[in-house]
Amino acid sequence: MKKFIGTGVALVTPFNTDSSVDTNALTAIVEHVIAGGIEYLVVLGTTAESAVLTSEEKQLVIDTVLKANNMRLPIVLGIGGNNTAAVVHELKTTNLQGIDAVLSVSPYYNKPTQEGIYQHFKAIAAASPKPIIIYNVPGRTASNMLPKTVVRLANDFENIIGVKEAAGDIVQAMKLIKDVPEDFLVISGDDMITLPMVFAGGAGVISVIGQGYPKEFSEMVRLGLAGNIKQANALHYKMMPAIDYIFEEGNPAGIKAVFEKLKLATATVRLPLIEASEGLKQKLHTLTDDLKA
């Protein structure tokens, strides 16, 4: 589990201007984040626009990242959904060679009870041949996986090794960190409160902004984990405006505007998402110049 301490990045799926998957850009982004010092890669999460990718495109993304990474960093693959049986089937039938862990989101739209969430992940734990990081993101799922449910799952299933906690609630995160087993990973899913979570005992982050500015963000997390509060805070405060901007018009429109500025990929997203506005792009482009100065 030590391989998932630090900064993971939730990779985008870059598109050509005709909306096809841009494998060259994806390869370049993998190189960019590895060179920037991040600790692991997360493939086909929310930021990857997985909801609008075909099964063939998803496999293309996996194959491209595996080839580009060439076993240099651990890889976490997003496999989740709100149909428990379908998720179990996907876990049993997907070729997970080269994958180190699975990231599985709490069921969305259905709005299950806490017991329903528990039973969902119990079924997934029984089916998964890989360690599982469960994912709480109530802003997208419309239900909050409460700390008591996460603690119960952490204690009951050895292959559930951590949680990506993206409720944006530092109090909830602290309750999790206090109550889970010592070796269970509480990973921030919210870039803005990553450092406070690390200071409270969290294991790091699965980040969006970290792929745009991997050197700066991963160094901030490492400083935080090492207890270098003053230096870590300095980096955090420097990056706060960028964190605000990349989510101002939704994710991944903002981070793709950063990649456009860095000349790594186009800013193209797929409907129903739309590209960042020219005003937001200009703010991000200017801020990128300042951060890289």
C-alpha atoms as a PDB file:
ATOM      1  CA  MET A   1       0.000   0.000   0.000  1.00  0.00           C
ATOM      2  CA  LYS A   2       2.992   2.317   0.360  1.00  0.00           C
ATOM      3  CA  LYS A   3       2.962   2.691  -3.427  1.00  0.00           C
ATOM      4  CA  PHE A   4      -0.234   4.748  -3.082  1.00  0.00           C
ATOM      5  CA  ILE A   5       1.151   7.248  -0.570  1.00  0.00           C
ATOM      6  CA  GLY A   6       1.795  10.645  -2.131  1.00  0.00           C
ATOM      7  CA  THR A   7       0.342  12.053  -5.323  1.00  0.00           C
ATOM      8  CA  GLY A   8      -1.662  10.079  -7.829  1.00  0.00           C
ATOM      9  CA  VAL A   9      -3.166  11.865 -10.806  1.00  0.00           C
ATOM     10  CA  ALA A  10      -6.567  11.196 -12.371  1.00  0.00           C
ATOM     11  CA  LEU A  11      -5.530  11.274 -16.020  1.00  0.00           C
ATOM     12  CA  VAL A  12      -7.649  13.034 -18.623  1.00  0.00           C
ATOM     13  CA  THR A  13      -8.548  11.395 -21.912  1.00  0.00           C
ATOM     14  CA  PRO A  14      -7.187  13.847 -24.489  1.00  0.00           C
ATOM     15  CA  PHE A  15      -9.124  14.203 -27.735  1.00  0.00           C
ATOM     16  CA  ASN A  16      -8.220  15.339 -31.207  1.00  0.00           C
ATOM     17  CA  THR A  17     -10.290  18.211 -32.602  1.00  0.00           C
ATOM     18  CA  ASP A  18     -12.554  15.622 -34.270  1.00  0.00           C
ATOM     19  CA  SER A  19     -13.235  14.189 -30.772  1.00  0.00           C
ATOM     20  CA  SER A  20     -11.298  10.946 -31.353  1.00  0.00           C
ATOM     21  CA  VAL A  21      -8.942   9.747 -28.605  1.00  0.00           C
ATOM     22  CA  ASP A  22      -5.502  11.333 -29.012  1.00  0.00           C
ATOM     23  CA  THR A  23      -3.094   8.584 -28.002  1.00  0.00           C
ATOM     24  CA  ASN A  24      -0.029  10.699 -28.788  1.00  0.00           C
ATOM     25  CA  ALA A  25      -1.210  13.392 -26.389  1.00  0.00           C
ATOM     26  CA  LEU A  26      -2.018  10.802 -23.724  1.00  0.00           C
ATOM     27  CA  THR A  27       1.495   9.388 -24.044  1.00  0.00           C
ATOM     28  CA  ALA A  28       2.937  12.909 -23.701  1.00  0.00           C
ATOM     29  CA  ILE A  29       0.850  13.577 -20.594  1.00  0.00           C
ATOM     30  CA  VAL A  30       2.048  10.344 -18.973  1.00  0.00           C
ATOM     31  CA  GLU A  31       5.638  11.415 -19.624  1.00  0.00           C
ATOM     32  CA  HIS A  32       4.882  14.885 -18.275  1.00  0.00           C
ATOM     33  CA  VAL A  33       3.535  13.650 -14.945  1.00  0.00           C
ATOM     34  CA  ILE A  34       6.218  10.995 -14.471  1.00  0.00           C
ATOM     35  CA  ALA A  35       8.922  13.598 -15.106  1.00  0.00           C
ATOM     36  CA  GLY A  36       7.117  15.848 -12.621  1.00  0.00           C
ATOM     37  CA  GLY A  37       7.562  13.344  -9.808  1.00  0.00           C
ATOM     38  CA  ILE A  38       4.076  11.992  -9.153  1.00  0.00           C
ATOM     39  CA  GLU A  39       3.816   8.621  -7.435  1.00  0.00           C
ATOM     40  CA  TYR A  40       1.070   6.777  -9.351  1.00  0.00           C
ATOM     41  CA  LEU A  41      -1.386   7.009 -12.252  1.00  0.00           C
ATOM     42  CA  VAL A  42      -5.164   6.707 -12.136  1.00  0.00           C
ATOM     43  CA  VAL A  43      -6.782   5.660 -15.414  1.00  0.00           C
ATOM     44  CA  LEU A  44     -10.455   5.977 -16.432  1.00  0.00           C
ATOM     45  CA  GLY A  45     -11.661   7.942 -13.466  1.00  0.00           C
ATOM     46  CA  THR A  46     -14.185  10.784 -13.621  1.00  0.00           C
ATOM     47  CA  THR A  47     -11.606  13.204 -15.053  1.00  0.00           C
ATOM     48  CA  ALA A  48     -11.065  10.806 -17.972  1.00  0.00           C
ATOM     49  CA  GLU A  49     -14.648  11.437 -19.165  1.00  0.00           C
ATOM     50  CA  SER A  50     -15.211   7.700 -18.823  1.00  0.00           C
ATOM     51  CA  ALA A  51     -18.976   8.168 -19.050  1.00  0.00           C
ATOM     52  CA  VAL A  52     -18.685   9.155 -22.727  1.00  0.00           C
ATOM     53  CA  LEU A  53     -16.089   6.600 -23.830  1.00  0.00           C
ATOM     54  CA  THR A  54     -16.975   3.385 -25.633  1.00  0.00           C
ATOM     55  CA  SER A  55     -15.625   0.079 -24.350  1.00  0.00           C
ATOM     56  CA  GLU A  56     -13.186   0.036 -27.275  1.00  0.00           C
ATOM     57  CA  GLU A  57     -11.966   3.539 -26.428  1.00  0.00           C
ATOM     58  CA  LYS A  58     -11.533   2.603 -22.784  1.00  0.00           C
ATOM     59  CA  GLN A  59      -9.338  -0.307 -23.778  1.00  0.00           C
ATOM     60  CA  LEU A  60      -7.347   1.988 -26.086  1.00  0.00           C
ATOM     61  CA  VAL A  61      -6.766   4.370 -23.173  1.00  0.00           C
ATOM     62  CA  ILE A  62      -5.638   1.510 -20.902  1.00  0.00           C
ATOM     63  CA  ASP A  63      -3.297   0.093 -23.537  1.00  0.00           C
ATOM     64  CA  THR A  64      -1.819   3.523 -24.273  1.00  0.00           C
ATOM     65  CA  VAL A  65      -1.119   4.292 -20.610  1.00  0.00           C
ATOM     66  CA  LEU A  66       0.356   0.839 -19.937  1.00  0.00           C
ATOM     67  CA  LYS A  67       2.701   1.208 -22.899  1.00  0.00           C
ATOM     68  CA  ALA A  68       3.696   4.784 -22.061  1.00  0.00           C
ATOM     69  CA  ASN A  69       4.238   4.001 -18.386  1.00  0.00           C
ATOM     70  CA  ASN A  70       6.277   0.886 -19.148  1.00  0.00           C
ATOM     71  CA  MET A  71       5.919  -0.355 -15.545  1.00  0.00           C
ATOM     72  CA  ARG A  72       7.577   2.742 -14.085  1.00  0.00           C
ATOM     73  CA  LEU A  73       4.714   3.743 -11.777  1.00  0.00           C
ATOM     74  CA  PRO A  74       1.802   1.897 -10.160  1.00  0.00           C
ATOM     75  CA  ILE A  75      -1.501   2.135 -12.035  1.00  0.00           C
ATOM     76  CA  VAL A  76      -4.996   2.345 -10.558  1.00  0.00           C
ATOM     77  CA  LEU A  77      -7.904   1.580 -12.883  1.00  0.00           C
ATOM     78  CA  GLY A  78     -11.384   3.001 -12.435  1.00  0.00           C
ATOM     79  CA  ILE A  79     -14.031   0.266 -12.416  1.00  0.00           C
ATOM     80  CA  GLY A  80     -17.265   1.340 -10.783  1.00  0.00           C
ATOM     81  CA  GLY A  81     -20.909   2.103 -11.332  1.00  0.00           C
ATOM     82  CA  ASN A  82     -24.406   1.991  -9.938  1.00  0.00           C
ATOM     83  CA  ASN A  83     -25.230  -1.520 -11.165  1.00  0.00           C
ATOM     84  CA  THR A  84     -23.505  -3.846  -8.708  1.00  0.00           C
ATOM     85  CA  ALA A  85     -23.860  -6.944 -10.889  1.00  0.00           C
ATOM     86  CA  ALA A  86     -22.381  -5.116 -13.887  1.00  0.00           C
ATOM     87  CA  VAL A  87     -19.394  -3.910 -11.854  1.00  0.00           C
ATOM     88  CA  VAL A  88     -18.792  -7.433 -10.542  1.00  0.00           C
ATOM     89  CA  HIS A  89     -18.961  -8.782 -14.112  1.00  0.00           C
ATOM     90  CA  GLU A  90     -16.493  -6.137 -15.320  1.00  0.00           C
ATOM     91  CA  LEU A  91     -14.056  -7.001 -12.537  1.00  0.00           C
ATOM     92  CA  LYS A  92     -14.240 -10.686 -13.399  1.00  0.00           C
ATOM     93  CA  THR A  93     -13.818 -10.207 -17.160  1.00  0.00           C
ATOM     94  CA  THR A  94     -11.363  -7.308 -17.478  1.00  0.00           C
ATOM     95  CA  ASN A  95      -7.720  -8.102 -18.137  1.00  0.00           C
ATOM     96  CA  LEU A  96      -6.044  -6.513 -15.117  1.00  0.00           C
ATOM     97  CA  GLN A  97      -2.488  -7.447 -16.019  1.00  0.00           C
ATOM     98  CA  GLY A  98      -0.307  -4.424 -15.273  1.00  0.00           C
ATOM     99  CA  ILE A  99      -2.939  -2.891 -12.976  1.00  0.00           C
ATOM    100  CA  ASP A 100      -2.031  -2.475  -9.298  1.00  0.00           C
ATOM    101  CA  ALA A 101      -5.399  -1.524  -7.809  1.00  0.00           C
ATOM    102  CA  VAL A 102      -8.983  -0.652  -8.684  1.00  0.00           C
ATOM    103  CA  LEU A 103     -10.732   2.630  -7.904  1.00  0.00           C
ATOM    104  CA  SER A 104     -14.474   2.069  -7.479  1.00  0.00           C
ATOM    105  CA  VAL A 105     -16.939   4.896  -7.019  1.00  0.00           C
ATOM    106  CA  SER A 106     -19.843   4.732  -4.596  1.00  0.00           C
ATOM    107  CA  PRO A 107     -23.090   4.057  -6.521  1.00  0.00           C
ATOM    108  CA  TYR A 108     -24.543   7.188  -8.092  1.00  0.00           C
ATOM    109  CA  TYR A 109     -28.108   8.222  -8.980  1.00  0.00           C
ATOM    110  CA  ASN A 110     -29.738   5.254  -7.180  1.00  0.00           C
ATOM    111  CA  LYS A 111     -29.105   6.964  -3.796  1.00  0.00           C
ATOM    112  CA  PRO A 112     -28.647   3.764  -1.765  1.00  0.00           C
ATOM    113  CA  THR A 113     -28.726   3.650   2.029  1.00  0.00           C
ATOM    114  CA  GLN A 114     -25.483   3.166   3.956  1.00  0.00           C
ATOM    115  CA  GLU A 115     -26.283  -0.550   4.157  1.00  0.00           C
ATOM    116  CA  GLY A 116     -26.794  -0.617   0.395  1.00  0.00           C
ATOM    117  CA  ILE A 117     -23.391   1.018  -0.123  1.00  0.00           C
ATOM    118  CA  TYR A 118     -21.834  -1.523   2.234  1.00  0.00           C
ATOM    119  CA  GLN A 119     -23.399  -4.475   0.405  1.00  0.00           C
ATOM    120  CA  HIS A 120     -22.336  -3.029  -2.977  1.00  0.00           C
ATOM    121  CA  PHE A 121     -18.691  -2.903  -1.927  1.00  0.00           C
ATOM    122  CA  LYS A 122     -18.933  -6.269  -0.180  1.00  0.00           C
ATOM    123  CA  ALA A 123     -19.857  -7.806  -3.551  1.00  0.00           C
ATOM    124  CA  ILE A 124     -17.041  -5.931  -5.273  1.00  0.00           C
ATOM    125  CA  ALA A 125     -14.509  -7.026  -2.656  1.00  0.00           C
ATOM    126  CA  ALA A 126     -15.517 -10.653  -3.213  1.00  0.00           C
ATOM    127  CA  ALA A 127     -15.081 -10.315  -6.986  1.00  0.00           C
ATOM    128  CA  SER A 128     -11.930  -8.212  -7.290  1.00  0.00           C
ATOM    129  CA  PRO A 129      -8.558  -9.884  -7.871  1.00  0.00           C
ATOM    130  CA  LYS A 130      -6.866  -6.549  -7.125  1.00  0.00           C
ATOM    131  CA  PRO A 131      -6.818  -4.248  -4.086  1.00  0.00           C
ATOM    132  CA  ILE A 132      -9.676  -1.750  -4.035  1.00  0.00           C
ATOM    133  CA  ILE A 133      -9.740   1.961  -3.271  1.00  0.00           C
ATOM    134  CA  ILE A 134     -13.347   2.987  -2.689  1.00  0.00           C
ATOM    135  CA  TYR A 135     -14.378   6.467  -3.813  1.00  0.00           C
ATOM    136  CA  ASN A 136     -16.740   8.866  -2.058  1.00  0.00           C
ATOM    137  CA  VAL A 137     -17.788  11.863  -4.156  1.00  0.00           C
ATOM    138  CA  PRO A 138     -21.261  12.965  -3.028  1.00  0.00           C
ATOM    139  CA  GLY A 139     -21.253  15.991  -5.322  1.00  0.00           C
ATOM    140  CA  ARG A 140     -21.551  13.544  -8.234  1.00  0.00           C
ATOM    141  CA  THR A 141     -23.255  10.525  -6.667  1.00  0.00           C
ATOM    142  CA  ALA A 142     -25.987  12.331  -4.690  1.00  0.00           C
ATOM    143  CA  SER A 143     -25.218  10.204  -1.620  1.00  0.00           C
ATOM    144  CA  ASN A 144     -22.511  10.537   1.000  1.00  0.00           C
ATOM    145  CA  MET A 145     -20.648   7.414   2.084  1.00  0.00           C
ATOM    146  CA  LEU A 146     -20.388   8.140   5.785  1.00  0.00           C
ATOM    147  CA  PRO A 147     -17.246   7.511   7.850  1.00  0.00           C
ATOM    148  CA  LYS A 148     -18.969   4.714   9.788  1.00  0.00           C
ATOM    149  CA  THR A 149     -19.575   2.847   6.502  1.00  0.00           C
ATOM    150  CA  VAL A 150     -15.983   3.313   5.332  1.00  0.00           C
ATOM    151  CA  VAL A 151     -14.662   2.159   8.723  1.00  0.00           C
ATOM    152  CA  ARG A 152     -16.881  -0.915   8.577  1.00  0.00           C
ATOM    153  CA  LEU A 153     -15.641  -1.785   5.076  1.00  0.00           C
ATOM    154  CA  ALA A 154     -12.029  -1.165   6.086  1.00  0.00           C
ATOM    155  CA  ASN A 155     -12.320  -3.545   9.010  1.00  0.00           C
ATOM    156  CA  ASP A 156     -14.288  -6.252   7.195  1.00  0.00           C
ATOM    157  CA  PHE A 157     -12.381  -6.625   3.897  1.00  0.00           C
ATOM    158  CA  GLU A 158      -8.602  -6.888   3.648  1.00  0.00           C
ATOM    159  CA  ASN A 159      -8.576  -6.057  -0.066  1.00  0.00           C
ATOM    160  CA  ILE A 160     -10.326  -2.712   0.494  1.00  0.00           C
ATOM    161  CA  ILE A 161      -7.144  -0.776   1.211  1.00  0.00           C
ATOM    162  CA  GLY A 162      -8.222   2.845   1.094  1.00  0.00           C
ATOM    163  CA  VAL A 163     -10.766   5.508   0.296  1.00  0.00           C
ATOM    164  CA  LYS A 164     -10.594   8.462  -2.048  1.00  0.00           C
ATOM    165  CA  GLU A 165     -12.503  10.993   0.031  1.00  0.00           C
ATOM    166  CA  ALA A 166     -13.952  13.815  -2.073  1.00  0.00           C
ATOM    167  CA  ALA A 167     -16.783  15.178   0.042  1.00  0.00           C
ATOM    168  CA  GLY A 168     -14.804  18.402   0.418  1.00  0.00           C
ATOM    169  CA  ASP A 169     -15.422  18.223   4.176  1.00  0.00           C
ATOM    170  CA  ILE A 170     -12.289  18.392   6.316  1.00  0.00           C
ATOM    171  CA  VAL A 171     -14.228  17.390   9.448  1.00  0.00           C
ATOM    172  CA  GLN A 172     -15.509  14.229   7.760  1.00  0.00           C
ATOM    173  CA  ALA A 173     -11.990  13.501   6.523  1.00  0.00           C
ATOM    174  CA  MET A 174     -10.575  13.859  10.033  1.00  0.00           C
ATOM    175  CA  LYS A 175     -13.199  11.497  11.433  1.00  0.00           C
ATOM    176  CA  LEU A 176     -12.169   8.959   8.811  1.00  0.00           C
ATOM    177  CA  ILE A 177      -8.471   9.322   9.561  1.00  0.00           C
ATOM    178  CA  LYS A 178      -9.159   8.953  13.295  1.00  0.00           C
ATOM    179  CA  ASP A 179     -11.296   5.814  13.058  1.00  0.00           C
ATOM    180  CA  VAL A 180      -9.955   3.662  10.204  1.00  0.00           C
ATOM    181  CA  PRO A 181      -7.288   0.996  10.811  1.00  0.00           C
ATOM    182  CA  GLU A 182      -3.752   2.358  10.946  1.00  0.00           C
ATOM    183  CA  ASP A 183      -2.710   0.919   7.591  1.00  0.00           C
ATOM    184  CA  PHE A 184      -5.875   2.039   5.741  1.00  0.00           C
ATOM    185  CA  LEU A 185      -5.277   4.854   3.249  1.00  0.00           C
ATOM    186  CA  VAL A 186      -7.405   8.002   3.457  1.00  0.00           C
ATOM    187  CA  ILE A 187      -6.650   9.732   0.162  1.00  0.00           C
ATOM    188  CA  SER A 188      -7.871  13.220  -0.655  1.00  0.00           C
ATOM    189  CA  GLY A 189     -10.069  13.549  -3.714  1.00  0.00           C
ATOM    190  CA  ASP A 190     -10.238  17.320  -3.326  1.00  0.00           C
ATOM    191  CA  ASP A 191      -7.180  19.293  -4.414  1.00  0.00           C
ATOM    192  CA  MET A 192      -7.956  22.310  -2.215  1.00  0.00           C
ATOM    193  CA  ILE A 193      -8.006  20.406   1.088  1.00  0.00           C
ATOM    194  CA  THR A 194      -5.289  17.888   0.243  1.00  0.00           C
ATOM    195  CA  LEU A 195      -2.640  19.521   2.420  1.00  0.00           C
ATOM    196  CA  PRO A 196      -4.864  19.890   5.521  1.00  0.00           C
ATOM    197  CA  MET A 197      -5.820  16.228   5.119  1.00  0.00           C
ATOM    198  CA  VAL A 198      -2.156  15.232   4.876  1.00  0.00           C
ATOM    199  CA  PHE A 199      -1.348  17.239   8.018  1.00  0.00           C
ATOM    200  CA  ALA A 200      -4.211  15.403   9.771  1.00  0.00           C
ATOM    201  CA  GLY A 201      -2.734  12.019   8.832  1.00  0.00           C
ATOM    202  CA  GLY A 202      -4.008  11.413   5.309  1.00  0.00           C
ATOM    203  CA  ALA A 203      -2.015   9.412   2.765  1.00  0.00           C
ATOM    204  CA  GLY A 204      -1.941  11.962  -0.058  1.00  0.00           C
ATOM    205  CA  VAL A 205      -4.191  12.682  -3.005  1.00  0.00           C
ATOM    206  CA  ILE A 206      -5.649  11.513  -6.275  1.00  0.00           C
ATOM    207  CA  SER A 207      -5.405  14.867  -7.986  1.00  0.00           C
ATOM    208  CA  VAL A 208      -6.698  16.723 -11.011  1.00  0.00           C
ATOM    209  CA  ILE A 209      -4.408  19.749 -10.853  1.00  0.00           C
ATOM    210  CA  GLY A 210      -1.422  17.509 -10.136  1.00  0.00           C
ATOM    211  CA  GLN A 211      -1.280  16.419 -13.766  1.00  0.00           C
ATOM    212  CA  GLY A 212      -1.060  20.011 -14.978  1.00  0.00           C
ATOM    213  CA  TYR A 213       1.556  21.053 -12.457  1.00  0.00           C
ATOM    214  CA  PRO A 214       3.006  17.733 -11.265  1.00  0.00           C
ATOM    215  CA  LYS A 215       6.326  19.043  -9.968  1.00  0.00           C
ATOM    216  CA  GLU A 216       4.770  21.727  -7.785  1.00  0.00           C
ATOM    217  CA  PHE A 217       1.817  19.729  -6.485  1.00  0.00           C
ATOM    218  CA  SER A 218       3.636  16.468  -5.766  1.00  0.00           C
ATOM    219  CA  GLU A 219       6.395  18.374  -3.968  1.00  0.00           C
ATOM    220  CA  MET A 220       3.775  20.089  -1.812  1.00  0.00           C
ATOM    221  CA  VAL A 221       2.350  16.699  -0.827  1.00  0.00           C
ATOM    222  CA  ARG A 222       5.792  15.230  -0.086  1.00  0.00           C
ATOM    223  CA  LEU A 223       6.660  18.234   2.075  1.00  0.00           C
ATOM    224  CA  GLY A 224       3.366  17.821   3.906  1.00  0.00           C
ATOM    225  CA  LEU A 225       3.924  14.122   4.505  1.00  0.00           C
ATOM    226  CA  ALA A 226       7.401  14.913   5.834  1.00  0.00           C
ATOM    227  CA  GLY A 227       6.002  17.508   8.238  1.00  0.00           C
ATOM    228  CA  ASN A 228       7.609  20.518   6.547  1.00  0.00           C
ATOM    229  CA  ILE A 229       4.635  22.742   7.277  1.00  0.00           C
ATOM    230  CA  LYS A 230       6.015  26.143   6.283  1.00  0.00           C
ATOM    231  CA  GLN A 231       7.377  25.025   2.908  1.00  0.00           C
ATOM    232  CA  ALA A 232       4.309  22.929   2.109  1.00  0.00           C
ATOM    233  CA  ASN A 233       1.963  25.795   2.962  1.00  0.00           C
ATOM    234  CA  ALA A 234       3.940  28.179   0.759  1.00  0.00           C
ATOM    235  CA  LEU A 235       3.388  25.915  -2.240  1.00  0.00           C
ATOM    236  CA  HIS A 236      -0.252  25.367  -1.327  1.00  0.00           C
ATOM    237  CA  TYR A 237      -1.015  29.082  -1.155  1.00  0.00           C
ATOM    238  CA  LYS A 238       0.824  29.649  -4.423  1.00  0.00           C
ATOM    239  CA  MET A 239      -1.366  27.051  -6.154  1.00  0.00           C
ATOM    240  CA  MET A 240      -4.719  27.956  -4.606  1.00  0.00           C
ATOM    241  CA  PRO A 241      -5.831  30.288  -7.443  1.00  0.00           C
ATOM    242  CA  ALA A 242      -5.059  27.597 -10.026  1.00  0.00           C
ATOM    243  CA  ILE A 243      -7.100  25.038  -8.078  1.00  0.00           C
ATOM    244  CA  ASP A 244     -10.053  27.422  -8.036  1.00  0.00           C
ATOM    245  CA  TYR A 245      -9.752  28.165 -11.747  1.00  0.00           C
ATOM    246  CA  ILE A 246      -9.533  24.583 -13.022  1.00  0.00           C
ATOM    247  CA  PHE A 247     -12.888  23.738 -11.426  1.00  0.00           C
ATOM    248  CA  GLU A 248     -14.597  27.050 -12.176  1.00  0.00           C
ATOM    249  CA  GLU A 249     -16.371  25.703 -15.281  1.00  0.00           C
ATOM    250  CA  GLY A 250     -16.267  22.018 -14.445  1.00  0.00           C
ATOM    251  CA  ASN A 251     -13.823  19.169 -14.689  1.00  0.00           C
ATOM    252  CA  PRO A 252     -11.966  18.348 -16.942  1.00  0.00           C
ATOM    253  CA  ALA A 253     -12.567  21.505 -18.992  1.00  0.00           C
ATOM    254  CA  GLY A 254     -10.221  23.496 -16.756  1.00  0.00           C
ATOM    255  CA  ILE A 255      -7.312  21.062 -16.668  1.00  0.00           C
ATOM    256  CA  LYS A 256      -7.588  20.527 -20.416  1.00  0.00           C
ATOM    257  CA  ALA A 257      -7.196  24.298 -20.874  1.00  0.00           C
ATOM    258  CA  VAL A 258      -3.933  23.988 -18.926  1.00  0.00           C
ATOM    259  CA  PHE A 259      -2.773  21.204 -21.251  1.00  0.00           C
ATOM    260  CA  GLU A 260      -3.618  23.412 -24.218  1.00  0.00           C
ATOM    261  CA  LYS A 261      -1.349  26.114 -22.775  1.00  0.00           C
ATOM    262  CA  LEU A 262       1.401  23.548 -22.152  1.00  0.00           C
ATOM    263  CA  LYS A 263       0.987  22.338 -25.756  1.00  0.00           C
ATOM    264  CA  LEU A 264       0.416  18.774 -24.560  1.00  0.00           C
ATOM    265  CA  ALA A 265      -3.182  18.339 -25.778  1.00  0.00           C
ATOM    266  CA  THR A 266      -6.186  20.171 -27.136  1.00  0.00           C
ATOM    267  CA  ALA A 267      -8.832  21.590 -24.815  1.00  0.00           C
ATOM    268  CA  THR A 268     -11.483  19.433 -26.512  1.00  0.00           C
ATOM    269  CA  VAL A 269     -14.067  17.700 -24.306  1.00  0.00           C
ATOM    270  CA  ARG A 270     -17.104  15.647 -25.294  1.00  0.00           C
ATOM    271  CA  LEU A 271     -20.700  16.703 -24.913  1.00  0.00           C
ATOM    272  CA  PRO A 272     -22.496  17.230 -22.639  1.00  0.00           C
ATOM    273  CA  LEU A 273     -19.328  18.966 -21.387  1.00  0.00           C
ATOM    274  CA  ILE A 274     -18.027  21.991 -23.261  1.00  0.00           C
ATOM    275  CA  GLU A 275     -14.601  23.619 -23.454  1.00  0.00           C
ATOM    276  CA  ALA A 276     -13.543  26.251 -20.977  1.00  0.00           C
ATOM    277  CA  SER A 277     -14.517  29.774 -21.976  1.00  0.00           C
ATOM    278  CA  GLU A 278     -11.912  32.055 -23.520  1.00  0.00           C
ATOM    279  CA  GLY A 279     -11.969  34.150 -20.346  1.00  0.00           C
ATOM    280  CA  LEU A 280     -11.146  31.162 -18.152  1.00  0.00           C
ATOM    281  CA  LYS A 281      -8.522  29.925 -20.586  1.00  0.00           C
ATOM    282  CA  GLN A 282      -6.793  33.295 -20.435  1.00  0.00           C
ATOM    283  CA  LYS A 283      -6.757  33.229 -16.639  1.00  0.00           C
ATOM    284  CA  LEU A 284      -5.321  29.713 -16.623  1.00  0.00           C
ATOM    285  CA  HIS A 285      -2.764  30.514 -19.302  1.00  0.00           C
ATOM    286  CA  THR A 286      -1.543  33.558 -17.370  1.00  0.00           C
ATOM    287  CA  LEU A 287      -1.417  31.643 -14.103  1.00  0.00           C
ATOM    288  CA  THR A 288       0.470  28.795 -15.765  1.00  0.00           C
ATOM    289  CA  ASP A 289       3.121  31.239 -16.931  1.00  0.00           C
ATOM    290  CA  ASP A 290       3.403  32.594 -13.380  1.00  0.00           C
ATOM    291  CA  LEU A 291       3.686  29.144 -11.801  1.00  0.00           C
ATOM    292  CA  LYS A 292       6.304  28.025 -14.288  1.00  0.00           C
ATOM    293  CA  ALA A 293       8.317  31.242 -13.926  1.00  0.00           C
END
